[in-house]
């Protein structure tokens, strides 16, 4: 009888170990799926980040051009000339 109890106990421990292994395998699969999803999200974020950096540079260049144009217009109006006119050209006509 003692041998039978020992065998039943060993079988129960084995079943418990198998359940633990199955649970561990399930957790590993879930972690792998999460890792894959996170890697995809990271790749997408990197692509978006690079695109935003490129667009930001383009906007900065356009703003620099606009600022330079405004400075030219303001400088010309302070000198009494129309934008694009050369002050010396106006003096030669007089």
Protein backbone atom coordinates (compact mmCIF):
# COMPACT_ATOMS: atom_id res chain seq x y z
CA UNK A 1 0.00 0.00 0.00
CA UNK A 2 2.85 2.33 0.79
CA UNK A 3 4.34 1.81 -2.67
CA UNK A 4 1.00 2.66 -4.27
CA UNK A 5 0.73 5.88 -2.24
CA UNK A 6 4.29 6.80 -3.21
CA UNK A 7 3.48 6.13 -6.88
CA UNK A 8 0.31 8.26 -6.73
CA UNK A 9 2.26 11.02 -5.03
CA UNK A 10 4.96 10.84 -7.72
CA UNK A 11 2.33 10.94 -10.47
CA UNK A 12 0.69 13.99 -8.88
CA UNK A 13 4.06 15.77 -8.61
CA UNK A 14 4.73 14.97 -12.27
CA UNK A 15 1.34 16.33 -13.30
CA UNK A 16 2.03 19.49 -11.30
CA UNK A 17 5.45 19.84 -12.94
CA UNK A 18 3.87 19.36 -16.38
CA UNK A 19 1.28 22.05 -15.61
CA UNK A 20 4.07 24.38 -14.48
CA UNK A 21 6.00 23.69 -17.68
CA UNK A 22 2.91 24.35 -19.80
CA UNK A 23 2.28 27.58 -17.92
CA UNK A 24 5.90 28.61 -18.37
CA UNK A 25 5.79 27.80 -22.08
CA UNK A 26 2.60 29.84 -22.38
CA UNK A 27 4.22 32.78 -20.62
CA UNK A 28 7.28 32.55 -22.85
CA UNK A 29 5.06 32.60 -25.95
CA UNK A 30 3.23 35.65 -24.62
CA UNK A 31 6.53 37.40 -23.91
CA UNK A 32 7.78 36.60 -27.40
CA UNK A 33 4.59 37.97 -28.92
CA UNK A 34 4.91 41.14 -26.80
CA UNK A 35 8.55 41.50 -27.81
CA UNK A 36 7.65 41.16 -31.48
CA UNK A 37 4.83 43.70 -31.16
CA UNK A 38 7.07 46.13 -29.29
CA UNK A 39 9.81 45.74 -31.89
CA UNK A 40 7.30 46.55 -34.65
CA UNK A 41 6.05 49.58 -32.73
CA UNK A 42 9.63 50.75 -32.18
CA UNK A 43 10.40 50.40 -35.88
CA UNK A 44 7.29 52.42 -36.71
CA UNK A 45 8.23 55.07 -34.17
CA UNK A 46 11.74 55.34 -35.60
CA UNK A 47 10.33 55.82 -39.10
CA UNK A 48 7.96 58.53 -37.83
CA UNK A 49 10.76 60.18 -35.87
CA UNK A 50 13.03 60.33 -38.92
CA UNK A 51 10.19 61.74 -41.02
CA UNK A 52 9.44 64.39 -38.39
CA UNK A 53 13.13 65.34 -38.22
CA UNK A 54 13.25 65.71 -42.02
CA UNK A 55 10.07 67.80 -42.10
CA UNK A 56 11.37 69.90 -39.20
CA UNK A 57 14.57 70.66 -41.14
CA UNK A 58 12.56 71.61 -44.23
CA UNK A 59 10.33 73.92 -42.20
CA UNK A 60 13.35 75.52 -40.53
CA UNK A 61 14.91 76.18 -43.94
CA UNK A 62 11.67 77.75 -45.20
CA UNK A 63 11.38 79.88 -42.08
CA UNK A 64 14.98 81.04 -42.49
CA UNK A 65 14.18 82.06 -46.07
CA UNK A 66 11.01 83.86 -45.02
CA UNK A 67 12.85 85.68 -42.22
CA UNK A 68 15.57 86.79 -44.64
CA UNK A 69 12.95 88.05 -47.11
CA UNK A 70 11.17 90.00 -44.35
CA UNK A 71 14.47 91.53 -43.24
CA UNK A 72 15.20 92.59 -46.83
CA UNK A 73 11.74 94.16 -47.15
CA UNK A 74 12.05 95.96 -43.83
CA UNK A 75 15.56 97.15 -44.66
CA UNK A 76 14.46 98.44 -48.04
CA UNK A 77 11.45 100.24 -46.57
CA UNK A 78 13.65 101.88 -43.94
CA UNK A 79 15.84 103.21 -46.74
CA UNK A 80 12.80 104.48 -48.66
CA UNK A 81 13.27 102.09 -51.56
CA UNK A 82 10.88 99.47 -52.84
CA UNK A 83 11.90 95.89 -52.15
CA UNK A 84 14.46 94.74 -54.67
CA UNK A 85 15.46 98.25 -55.72
CA UNK A 86 19.08 99.23 -55.38
CA UNK A 87 19.64 102.57 -53.58
CA UNK A 88 22.48 103.50 -55.92
CA UNK A 89 20.31 103.00 -59.01
CA UNK A 90 17.82 105.55 -57.70
CA UNK A 91 20.59 108.14 -57.15
CA UNK A 92 21.93 107.78 -60.70
CA UNK A 93 18.54 108.74 -62.19
CA UNK A 94 18.45 112.11 -60.43
